[in-house]
Amino acid sequence: MLRKHTFKPFSITFLLLLLSTLAGYAQKLKGRDQLVTITTSQGEIRLILFDDTPLHKANFLKLAKEGFYNGTTFHRVIDGFMIQGGDPNSKDGDPANDGSGSPGYTVPAEILPKYKHQRGAVAAARMGDNVNPQKASSGSQFYIVENHSGTPHLDQAYTVFGQVVDGLDVIDKIAEQPKDGRNRPLEDIKMTVKVERIRKKKIARKFDYTYNS
């Protein structure tokens, strides 16, 4: 004979919490998101941008859709650290000015404690605190964390506004390229950037990505 079981109060509470969590995540997966693909000679990197860093997301998408990034290079690469690109100066024939260019404006900082410099994090480059105490971001330059353990010493100092969902191996390949004394690759690693509107559910499923914002 089967015993009759009764749910204890904590079990019901747990069930309600679980249902609430699942409902909340389902809500996050509604609609579409913008999937960014960066194509290089070493392969493709795909990333998403966070909704709760709206200024950085809107700015990056605007520049990408305008073709601003096409032909720019990853002009600074450090194996075990990060790869940096997005400087319009990297399109010209003078490698000495790479790293100093911009679209002519900065983006106000959107530094959120929950976004860490984990592997594949996309963050905005910026001028140092001595000339930029507000930590305003470059209007176009960005970097992607390559270190497999992350770079926590950069947390709360730069705006993290996206995450790579595919192509982490490509970041490794770029970081490993031969470079000069300024960490500039000896051969240009040019990028082409495109943006696609895709259902969030498809992105989450295809790239095993969890939406948190």
C-alpha atoms as a PDB file:
ATOM      1  CA  MET A   1       0.000   0.000   0.000  1.00  0.00           C
ATOM      2  CA  LEU A   2       1.357   3.424  -0.974  1.00  0.00           C
ATOM      3  CA  ARG A   3       1.870   5.960   1.734  1.00  0.00           C
ATOM      4  CA  LYS A   4       0.111   9.268   1.469  1.00  0.00           C
ATOM      5  CA  HIS A   5       2.630  12.099   1.277  1.00  0.00           C
ATOM      6  CA  THR A   6       2.064  15.696   2.231  1.00  0.00           C
ATOM      7  CA  PHE A   7       4.166  18.586   1.014  1.00  0.00           C
ATOM      8  CA  LYS A   8       6.003  20.494   3.674  1.00  0.00           C
ATOM      9  CA  PRO A   9       5.766  24.293   3.550  1.00  0.00           C
ATOM     10  CA  PHE A  10       9.369  24.694   2.387  1.00  0.00           C
ATOM     11  CA  SER A  11       8.698  22.361  -0.582  1.00  0.00           C
ATOM     12  CA  ILE A  12       5.803  24.490  -1.765  1.00  0.00           C
ATOM     13  CA  THR A  13       7.889  27.625  -1.364  1.00  0.00           C
ATOM     14  CA  PHE A  14      10.707  26.077  -3.370  1.00  0.00           C
ATOM     15  CA  LEU A  15       8.284  25.031  -6.116  1.00  0.00           C
ATOM     16  CA  LEU A  16       6.802  28.517  -6.335  1.00  0.00           C
ATOM     17  CA  LEU A  17      10.287  30.033  -6.477  1.00  0.00           C
ATOM     18  CA  LEU A  18      11.298  27.626  -9.248  1.00  0.00           C
ATOM     19  CA  LEU A  19       8.175  28.391 -11.271  1.00  0.00           C
ATOM     20  CA  SER A  20       8.751  32.108 -10.815  1.00  0.00           C
ATOM     21  CA  THR A  21      12.377  31.766 -11.979  1.00  0.00           C
ATOM     22  CA  LEU A  22      11.380  29.784 -15.043  1.00  0.00           C
ATOM     23  CA  ALA A  23       8.648  32.277 -15.893  1.00  0.00           C
ATOM     24  CA  GLY A  24      11.090  35.146 -15.518  1.00  0.00           C
ATOM     25  CA  TYR A  25      13.635  33.523 -17.807  1.00  0.00           C
ATOM     26  CA  ALA A  26      10.958  32.746 -20.387  1.00  0.00           C
ATOM     27  CA  GLN A  27      10.097  36.445 -20.353  1.00  0.00           C
ATOM     28  CA  LYS A  28      13.743  37.318 -20.982  1.00  0.00           C
ATOM     29  CA  LEU A  29      13.755  35.066 -24.049  1.00  0.00           C
ATOM     30  CA  LYS A  30      10.842  36.870 -25.668  1.00  0.00           C
ATOM     31  CA  GLY A  31      11.542  38.894 -28.775  1.00  0.00           C
ATOM     32  CA  ARG A  32      14.698  39.272 -30.810  1.00  0.00           C
ATOM     33  CA  ASP A  33      18.234  40.374 -30.138  1.00  0.00           C
ATOM     34  CA  GLN A  34      21.060  41.662 -32.290  1.00  0.00           C
ATOM     35  CA  LEU A  35      23.756  39.054 -32.956  1.00  0.00           C
ATOM     36  CA  VAL A  36      27.062  40.636 -33.944  1.00  0.00           C
ATOM     37  CA  THR A  37      29.492  38.682 -36.126  1.00  0.00           C
ATOM     38  CA  ILE A  38      33.100  39.843 -36.477  1.00  0.00           C
ATOM     39  CA  THR A  39      34.803  38.160 -39.419  1.00  0.00           C
ATOM     40  CA  THR A  40      38.619  38.028 -39.531  1.00  0.00           C
ATOM     41  CA  SER A  41      41.317  36.084 -41.343  1.00  0.00           C
ATOM     42  CA  GLN A  42      41.481  33.823 -38.286  1.00  0.00           C
ATOM     43  CA  GLY A  43      37.769  33.017 -38.241  1.00  0.00           C
ATOM     44  CA  GLU A  44      34.479  34.432 -36.949  1.00  0.00           C
ATOM     45  CA  ILE A  45      33.612  35.784 -33.501  1.00  0.00           C
ATOM     46  CA  ARG A  46      29.954  36.094 -32.518  1.00  0.00           C
ATOM     47  CA  LEU A  47      28.757  38.188 -29.616  1.00  0.00           C
ATOM     48  CA  ILE A  48      25.707  39.734 -28.019  1.00  0.00           C
ATOM     49  CA  LEU A  49      25.478  43.140 -26.329  1.00  0.00           C
ATOM     50  CA  PHE A  50      23.800  43.775 -22.985  1.00  0.00           C
ATOM     51  CA  ASP A  51      20.464  45.606 -22.800  1.00  0.00           C
ATOM     52  CA  ASP A  52      21.368  47.223 -19.491  1.00  0.00           C
ATOM     53  CA  THR A  53      24.365  49.010 -21.002  1.00  0.00           C
ATOM     54  CA  PRO A  54      22.100  50.774 -23.529  1.00  0.00           C
ATOM     55  CA  LEU A  55      24.428  53.604 -24.530  1.00  0.00           C
ATOM     56  CA  HIS A  56      27.253  51.237 -25.434  1.00  0.00           C
ATOM     57  CA  LYS A  57      24.934  48.782 -27.153  1.00  0.00           C
ATOM     58  CA  ALA A  58      23.259  51.460 -29.266  1.00  0.00           C
ATOM     59  CA  ASN A  59      26.581  53.068 -30.171  1.00  0.00           C
ATOM     60  CA  PHE A  60      28.275  49.812 -31.196  1.00  0.00           C
ATOM     61  CA  LEU A  61      25.291  48.700 -33.279  1.00  0.00           C
ATOM     62  CA  LYS A  62      25.064  52.100 -34.979  1.00  0.00           C
ATOM     63  CA  LEU A  63      28.738  52.048 -35.968  1.00  0.00           C
ATOM     64  CA  ALA A  64      28.538  48.419 -37.085  1.00  0.00           C
ATOM     65  CA  LYS A  65      25.475  49.013 -39.247  1.00  0.00           C
ATOM     66  CA  GLU A  66      27.127  52.066 -40.805  1.00  0.00           C
ATOM     67  CA  GLY A  67      30.181  49.980 -41.759  1.00  0.00           C
ATOM     68  CA  PHE A  68      32.458  51.997 -39.477  1.00  0.00           C
ATOM     69  CA  TYR A  69      34.327  48.930 -38.253  1.00  0.00           C
ATOM     70  CA  ASN A  70      34.837  47.332 -41.652  1.00  0.00           C
ATOM     71  CA  GLY A  71      38.522  47.484 -42.519  1.00  0.00           C
ATOM     72  CA  THR A  72      39.671  48.367 -39.007  1.00  0.00           C
ATOM     73  CA  THR A  73      42.071  45.931 -37.369  1.00  0.00           C
ATOM     74  CA  PHE A  74      42.802  44.267 -34.069  1.00  0.00           C
ATOM     75  CA  HIS A  75      45.756  46.594 -33.578  1.00  0.00           C
ATOM     76  CA  ARG A  76      46.785  45.472 -30.072  1.00  0.00           C
ATOM     77  CA  VAL A  77      46.917  41.811 -29.075  1.00  0.00           C
ATOM     78  CA  ILE A  78      48.437  40.332 -25.924  1.00  0.00           C
ATOM     79  CA  ASP A  79      48.406  36.560 -25.515  1.00  0.00           C
ATOM     80  CA  GLY A  80      47.041  35.646 -22.105  1.00  0.00           C
ATOM     81  CA  PHE A  81      45.291  39.005 -21.763  1.00  0.00           C
ATOM     82  CA  MET A  82      43.080  40.482 -24.493  1.00  0.00           C
ATOM     83  CA  ILE A  83      42.705  41.633 -28.104  1.00  0.00           C
ATOM     84  CA  GLN A  84      41.787  45.252 -28.925  1.00  0.00           C
ATOM     85  CA  GLY A  85      40.363  46.838 -32.061  1.00  0.00           C
ATOM     86  CA  GLY A  86      37.911  49.346 -33.488  1.00  0.00           C
ATOM     87  CA  ASP A  87      40.299  52.263 -34.095  1.00  0.00           C
ATOM     88  CA  PRO A  88      39.585  54.080 -37.391  1.00  0.00           C
ATOM     89  CA  ASN A  89      43.272  55.038 -37.533  1.00  0.00           C
ATOM     90  CA  SER A  90      44.099  51.377 -38.149  1.00  0.00           C
ATOM     91  CA  LYS A  91      42.653  51.768 -41.650  1.00  0.00           C
ATOM     92  CA  ASP A  92      45.462  54.106 -42.756  1.00  0.00           C
ATOM     93  CA  GLY A  93      49.041  53.203 -43.635  1.00  0.00           C
ATOM     94  CA  ASP A  94      50.588  54.553 -40.464  1.00  0.00           C
ATOM     95  CA  PRO A  95      50.794  51.904 -37.727  1.00  0.00           C
ATOM     96  CA  ALA A  96      52.275  54.468 -35.331  1.00  0.00           C
ATOM     97  CA  ASN A  97      48.904  56.160 -34.815  1.00  0.00           C
ATOM     98  CA  ASP A  98      46.957  52.992 -34.081  1.00  0.00           C
ATOM     99  CA  GLY A  99      45.266  53.210 -30.707  1.00  0.00           C
ATOM    100  CA  SER A 100      44.752  56.973 -30.726  1.00  0.00           C
ATOM    101  CA  GLY A 101      41.757  57.236 -33.054  1.00  0.00           C
ATOM    102  CA  SER A 102      38.044  57.634 -32.387  1.00  0.00           C
ATOM    103  CA  PRO A 103      34.822  58.741 -34.066  1.00  0.00           C
ATOM    104  CA  GLY A 104      35.202  62.082 -32.303  1.00  0.00           C
ATOM    105  CA  TYR A 105      33.255  61.451 -29.110  1.00  0.00           C
ATOM    106  CA  THR A 106      33.186  59.331 -25.961  1.00  0.00           C
ATOM    107  CA  VAL A 107      30.419  57.261 -24.363  1.00  0.00           C
ATOM    108  CA  PRO A 108      29.498  57.784 -20.678  1.00  0.00           C
ATOM    109  CA  ALA A 109      30.563  54.914 -18.432  1.00  0.00           C
ATOM    110  CA  GLU A 110      28.023  52.166 -17.740  1.00  0.00           C
ATOM    111  CA  ILE A 111      30.022  50.083 -15.278  1.00  0.00           C
ATOM    112  CA  LEU A 112      27.819  47.461 -13.625  1.00  0.00           C
ATOM    113  CA  PRO A 113      29.196  45.218 -10.839  1.00  0.00           C
ATOM    114  CA  LYS A 114      27.465  42.111 -12.193  1.00  0.00           C
ATOM    115  CA  TYR A 115      29.457  42.173 -15.432  1.00  0.00           C
ATOM    116  CA  LYS A 116      32.941  40.778 -14.914  1.00  0.00           C
ATOM    117  CA  HIS A 117      35.978  40.564 -17.150  1.00  0.00           C
ATOM    118  CA  GLN A 118      35.503  36.850 -17.770  1.00  0.00           C
ATOM    119  CA  ARG A 119      36.808  35.067 -20.846  1.00  0.00           C
ATOM    120  CA  GLY A 120      35.070  36.476 -23.918  1.00  0.00           C
ATOM    121  CA  ALA A 121      33.822  39.631 -22.203  1.00  0.00           C
ATOM    122  CA  VAL A 122      33.507  42.605 -24.558  1.00  0.00           C
ATOM    123  CA  ALA A 123      34.516  45.915 -22.973  1.00  0.00           C
ATOM    124  CA  ALA A 124      35.168  49.488 -24.043  1.00  0.00           C
ATOM    125  CA  ALA A 125      38.688  50.883 -24.142  1.00  0.00           C
ATOM    126  CA  ARG A 126      39.225  54.329 -22.656  1.00  0.00           C
ATOM    127  CA  MET A 127      41.733  56.965 -21.624  1.00  0.00           C
ATOM    128  CA  GLY A 128      43.355  56.679 -18.196  1.00  0.00           C
ATOM    129  CA  ASP A 129      41.897  58.035 -14.961  1.00  0.00           C
ATOM    130  CA  ASN A 130      44.378  60.911 -14.830  1.00  0.00           C
ATOM    131  CA  VAL A 131      42.716  62.554 -17.854  1.00  0.00           C
ATOM    132  CA  ASN A 132      39.396  60.725 -17.662  1.00  0.00           C
ATOM    133  CA  PRO A 133      38.219  60.428 -14.035  1.00  0.00           C
ATOM    134  CA  GLN A 134      34.641  59.752 -15.194  1.00  0.00           C
ATOM    135  CA  LYS A 135      35.885  56.592 -16.938  1.00  0.00           C
ATOM    136  CA  ALA A 136      34.118  57.578 -20.170  1.00  0.00           C
ATOM    137  CA  SER A 137      34.589  55.001 -22.920  1.00  0.00           C
ATOM    138  CA  SER A 138      36.156  55.401 -26.338  1.00  0.00           C
ATOM    139  CA  GLY A 139      33.531  56.028 -28.982  1.00  0.00           C
ATOM    140  CA  SER A 140      34.626  52.984 -30.976  1.00  0.00           C
ATOM    141  CA  GLN A 141      37.585  51.074 -29.544  1.00  0.00           C
ATOM    142  CA  PHE A 142      36.801  47.860 -27.701  1.00  0.00           C
ATOM    143  CA  TYR A 143      38.628  44.829 -26.395  1.00  0.00           C
ATOM    144  CA  ILE A 144      37.759  41.187 -25.832  1.00  0.00           C
ATOM    145  CA  VAL A 145      39.171  39.263 -22.877  1.00  0.00           C
ATOM    146  CA  GLU A 146      41.311  36.344 -24.074  1.00  0.00           C
ATOM    147  CA  ASN A 147      42.649  35.113 -20.740  1.00  0.00           C
ATOM    148  CA  HIS A 148      40.862  31.843 -19.975  1.00  0.00           C
ATOM    149  CA  SER A 149      40.653  32.733 -16.275  1.00  0.00           C
ATOM    150  CA  GLY A 150      39.453  36.268 -16.936  1.00  0.00           C
ATOM    151  CA  THR A 151      41.094  39.561 -15.989  1.00  0.00           C
ATOM    152  CA  PRO A 152      39.436  40.501 -12.671  1.00  0.00           C
ATOM    153  CA  HIS A 153      41.874  43.356 -12.028  1.00  0.00           C
ATOM    154  CA  LEU A 154      39.954  45.298 -14.700  1.00  0.00           C
ATOM    155  CA  ASP A 155      36.556  44.846 -13.021  1.00  0.00           C
ATOM    156  CA  GLN A 156      34.826  48.129 -12.104  1.00  0.00           C
ATOM    157  CA  ALA A 157      37.387  50.091 -14.118  1.00  0.00           C
ATOM    158  CA  TYR A 158      36.010  49.630 -17.649  1.00  0.00           C
ATOM    159  CA  THR A 159      32.517  49.182 -19.059  1.00  0.00           C
ATOM    160  CA  VAL A 160      31.784  45.560 -19.942  1.00  0.00           C
ATOM    161  CA  PHE A 161      28.918  45.681 -22.430  1.00  0.00           C
ATOM    162  CA  GLY A 162      28.826  42.330 -24.209  1.00  0.00           C
ATOM    163  CA  GLN A 163      29.831  38.689 -24.299  1.00  0.00           C
ATOM    164  CA  VAL A 164      31.241  36.422 -26.981  1.00  0.00           C
ATOM    165  CA  VAL A 165      28.916  33.445 -27.530  1.00  0.00           C
ATOM    166  CA  ASP A 166      30.908  31.719 -30.275  1.00  0.00           C
ATOM    167  CA  GLY A 167      34.504  31.883 -31.507  1.00  0.00           C
ATOM    168  CA  LEU A 168      36.557  31.865 -28.323  1.00  0.00           C
ATOM    169  CA  ASP A 169      39.139  29.794 -30.194  1.00  0.00           C
ATOM    170  CA  VAL A 170      39.402  32.562 -32.786  1.00  0.00           C
ATOM    171  CA  ILE A 171      40.243  35.058 -30.050  1.00  0.00           C
ATOM    172  CA  ASP A 172      43.057  32.729 -28.952  1.00  0.00           C
ATOM    173  CA  LYS A 173      44.387  32.534 -32.517  1.00  0.00           C
ATOM    174  CA  ILE A 174      44.403  36.308 -32.884  1.00  0.00           C
ATOM    175  CA  ALA A 175      46.157  36.770 -29.530  1.00  0.00           C
ATOM    176  CA  GLU A 176      48.872  34.314 -30.600  1.00  0.00           C
ATOM    177  CA  GLN A 177      49.798  36.152 -33.821  1.00  0.00           C
ATOM    178  CA  PRO A 178      53.391  37.453 -34.172  1.00  0.00           C
ATOM    179  CA  LYS A 179      53.587  41.118 -33.157  1.00  0.00           C
ATOM    180  CA  ASP A 180      55.974  44.017 -32.749  1.00  0.00           C
ATOM    181  CA  GLY A 181      57.165  45.761 -29.598  1.00  0.00           C
ATOM    182  CA  ARG A 182      53.868  47.688 -29.336  1.00  0.00           C
ATOM    183  CA  ASN A 183      51.844  44.444 -29.425  1.00  0.00           C
ATOM    184  CA  ARG A 184      50.643  45.268 -32.927  1.00  0.00           C
ATOM    185  CA  PRO A 185      50.310  42.175 -35.175  1.00  0.00           C
ATOM    186  CA  LEU A 186      52.975  42.083 -37.892  1.00  0.00           C
ATOM    187  CA  GLU A 187      50.225  41.299 -40.395  1.00  0.00           C
ATOM    188  CA  ASP A 188      46.987  43.285 -40.240  1.00  0.00           C
ATOM    189  CA  ILE A 189      44.060  41.374 -38.769  1.00  0.00           C
ATOM    190  CA  LYS A 190      41.219  43.255 -40.413  1.00  0.00           C
ATOM    191  CA  MET A 191      37.612  42.852 -39.401  1.00  0.00           C
ATOM    192  CA  THR A 192      34.229  43.000 -41.048  1.00  0.00           C
ATOM    193  CA  VAL A 193      31.267  43.439 -38.717  1.00  0.00           C
ATOM    194  CA  LYS A 194      27.657  42.573 -39.453  1.00  0.00           C
ATOM    195  CA  VAL A 195      24.513  42.616 -37.331  1.00  0.00           C
ATOM    196  CA  GLU A 196      21.557  40.220 -37.547  1.00  0.00           C
ATOM    197  CA  ARG A 197      18.231  40.324 -35.710  1.00  0.00           C
ATOM    198  CA  ILE A 198      17.604  36.830 -34.370  1.00  0.00           C
ATOM    199  CA  ARG A 199      15.133  35.408 -31.887  1.00  0.00           C
ATOM    200  CA  LYS A 200      16.568  35.258 -28.376  1.00  0.00           C
ATOM    201  CA  LYS A 201      15.381  31.666 -28.008  1.00  0.00           C
ATOM    202  CA  LYS A 202      17.422  30.676 -31.062  1.00  0.00           C
ATOM    203  CA  ILE A 203      20.538  32.451 -29.783  1.00  0.00           C
ATOM    204  CA  ALA A 204      20.181  30.834 -26.346  1.00  0.00           C
ATOM    205  CA  ARG A 205      19.680  27.383 -27.823  1.00  0.00           C
ATOM    206  CA  LYS A 206      22.281  27.527 -30.600  1.00  0.00           C
ATOM    207  CA  PHE A 207      25.078  29.059 -28.532  1.00  0.00           C
ATOM    208  CA  ASP A 208      24.108  27.674 -25.104  1.00  0.00           C
ATOM    209  CA  TYR A 209      23.839  31.240 -23.848  1.00  0.00           C
ATOM    210  CA  THR A 210      21.899  32.335 -20.762  1.00  0.00           C
ATOM    211  CA  TYR A 211      20.309  35.776 -20.831  1.00  0.00           C
ATOM    212  CA  ASN A 212      20.751  37.546 -17.487  1.00  0.00           C
ATOM    213  CA  SER A 213      19.565  41.078 -18.251  1.00  0.00           C
END
